């Protein structure tokens, strides 16, 4: 899978999401916050997956303001 700057990713094993900061010949550089500190780490693309999969279906919901739930 190829990632681009700004993608929200996470490790295949799960965990907190990261933001892709850069993609280079060393791997995918991600960033996240640890309290007030910004941290960076490089992972191989095979270790990551998109944190939010692509939108595959959009549904329209019509709400009647006169009806109460």
C-alpha atoms as a PDB file:
ATOM      1  CA  UNK A   1       0.000   0.000   0.000  1.00  0.00           C
ATOM      2  CA  UNK A   2       1.224   3.489  -0.713  1.00  0.00           C
ATOM      3  CA  UNK A   3       0.661   6.313   1.722  1.00  0.00           C
ATOM      4  CA  UNK A   4       0.683  10.062   1.212  1.00  0.00           C
ATOM      5  CA  UNK A   5       1.419  12.991   3.491  1.00  0.00           C
ATOM      6  CA  UNK A   6      -1.547  13.692   5.748  1.00  0.00           C
ATOM      7  CA  UNK A   7      -2.933  10.143   5.758  1.00  0.00           C
ATOM      8  CA  UNK A   8      -4.133   8.848   9.110  1.00  0.00           C
ATOM      9  CA  UNK A   9      -2.492   5.451   9.693  1.00  0.00           C
ATOM     10  CA  UNK A  10      -1.926   2.937  12.445  1.00  0.00           C
ATOM     11  CA  UNK A  11       0.165  -0.158  12.985  1.00  0.00           C
ATOM     12  CA  UNK A  12      -1.316  -3.356  11.569  1.00  0.00           C
ATOM     13  CA  UNK A  13      -1.433  -4.635  15.144  1.00  0.00           C
ATOM     14  CA  UNK A  14      -3.640  -1.683  16.152  1.00  0.00           C
ATOM     15  CA  UNK A  15      -3.017   1.137  18.578  1.00  0.00           C
ATOM     16  CA  UNK A  16      -3.215   4.900  18.374  1.00  0.00           C
ATOM     17  CA  UNK A  17      -3.375   6.611  14.976  1.00  0.00           C
ATOM     18  CA  UNK A  18      -0.439   8.494  13.465  1.00  0.00           C
ATOM     19  CA  UNK A  19      -0.306  11.167  10.778  1.00  0.00           C
ATOM     20  CA  UNK A  20       1.979  10.548   7.798  1.00  0.00           C
ATOM     21  CA  UNK A  21       4.613  13.298   7.809  1.00  0.00           C
ATOM     22  CA  UNK A  22       6.773  12.077   4.925  1.00  0.00           C
ATOM     23  CA  UNK A  23       7.340   9.094   2.659  1.00  0.00           C
ATOM     24  CA  UNK A  24      10.942   8.515   1.600  1.00  0.00           C
ATOM     25  CA  UNK A  25      13.420   5.748   0.744  1.00  0.00           C
ATOM     26  CA  UNK A  26      13.719   4.830   4.441  1.00  0.00           C
ATOM     27  CA  UNK A  27       9.991   4.274   4.911  1.00  0.00           C
ATOM     28  CA  UNK A  28       6.929   6.135   6.128  1.00  0.00           C
ATOM     29  CA  UNK A  29       7.653   8.891   8.646  1.00  0.00           C
ATOM     30  CA  UNK A  30       4.751   9.367  11.042  1.00  0.00           C
ATOM     31  CA  UNK A  31       4.059  11.899  13.767  1.00  0.00           C
ATOM     32  CA  UNK A  32       1.879  11.974  16.854  1.00  0.00           C
ATOM     33  CA  UNK A  33       1.546  13.886  20.099  1.00  0.00           C
ATOM     34  CA  UNK A  34       2.600  12.567  23.477  1.00  0.00           C
ATOM     35  CA  UNK A  35       1.192  15.193  25.790  1.00  0.00           C
ATOM     36  CA  UNK A  36       2.786  18.431  24.631  1.00  0.00           C
ATOM     37  CA  UNK A  37       5.636  16.677  22.809  1.00  0.00           C
ATOM     38  CA  UNK A  38       5.502  15.918  19.084  1.00  0.00           C
ATOM     39  CA  UNK A  39       7.146  12.602  18.245  1.00  0.00           C
ATOM     40  CA  UNK A  40       8.327  11.118  14.949  1.00  0.00           C
ATOM     41  CA  UNK A  41       9.082   7.534  13.917  1.00  0.00           C
ATOM     42  CA  UNK A  42       9.768   5.732  10.652  1.00  0.00           C
ATOM     43  CA  UNK A  43       7.983   2.490   9.762  1.00  0.00           C
ATOM     44  CA  UNK A  44       8.032   0.256   6.729  1.00  0.00           C
ATOM     45  CA  UNK A  45       4.832   0.537   4.665  1.00  0.00           C
ATOM     46  CA  UNK A  46       4.063  -3.145   5.315  1.00  0.00           C
ATOM     47  CA  UNK A  47       3.745  -2.354   9.033  1.00  0.00           C
ATOM     48  CA  UNK A  48       0.980   0.220   8.532  1.00  0.00           C
ATOM     49  CA  UNK A  49      -2.632   0.409   7.432  1.00  0.00           C
ATOM     50  CA  UNK A  50      -5.033   3.311   6.945  1.00  0.00           C
ATOM     51  CA  UNK A  51      -6.684   4.112  10.262  1.00  0.00           C
ATOM     52  CA  UNK A  52      -9.959   5.024   8.565  1.00  0.00           C
ATOM     53  CA  UNK A  53     -10.721   2.935   5.532  1.00  0.00           C
ATOM     54  CA  UNK A  54     -11.996   4.550   2.373  1.00  0.00           C
ATOM     55  CA  UNK A  55     -15.634   5.606   2.197  1.00  0.00           C
ATOM     56  CA  UNK A  56     -17.414   2.929   0.217  1.00  0.00           C
ATOM     57  CA  UNK A  57     -21.026   4.035   0.658  1.00  0.00           C
ATOM     58  CA  UNK A  58     -22.750   7.308   1.383  1.00  0.00           C
ATOM     59  CA  UNK A  59     -26.279   7.263   2.765  1.00  0.00           C
ATOM     60  CA  UNK A  60     -28.730  10.110   2.903  1.00  0.00           C
ATOM     61  CA  UNK A  61     -30.757  10.429   6.071  1.00  0.00           C
ATOM     62  CA  UNK A  62     -33.848  12.613   5.999  1.00  0.00           C
ATOM     63  CA  UNK A  63     -34.834  13.979   9.376  1.00  0.00           C
ATOM     64  CA  UNK A  64     -38.364  15.169  10.001  1.00  0.00           C
ATOM     65  CA  UNK A  65     -38.097  18.049  12.528  1.00  0.00           C
ATOM     66  CA  UNK A  66     -41.730  17.484  13.546  1.00  0.00           C
ATOM     67  CA  UNK A  67     -41.114  13.924  14.742  1.00  0.00           C
ATOM     68  CA  UNK A  68     -39.472  13.244  18.058  1.00  0.00           C
ATOM     69  CA  UNK A  69     -37.315  10.169  18.555  1.00  0.00           C
END
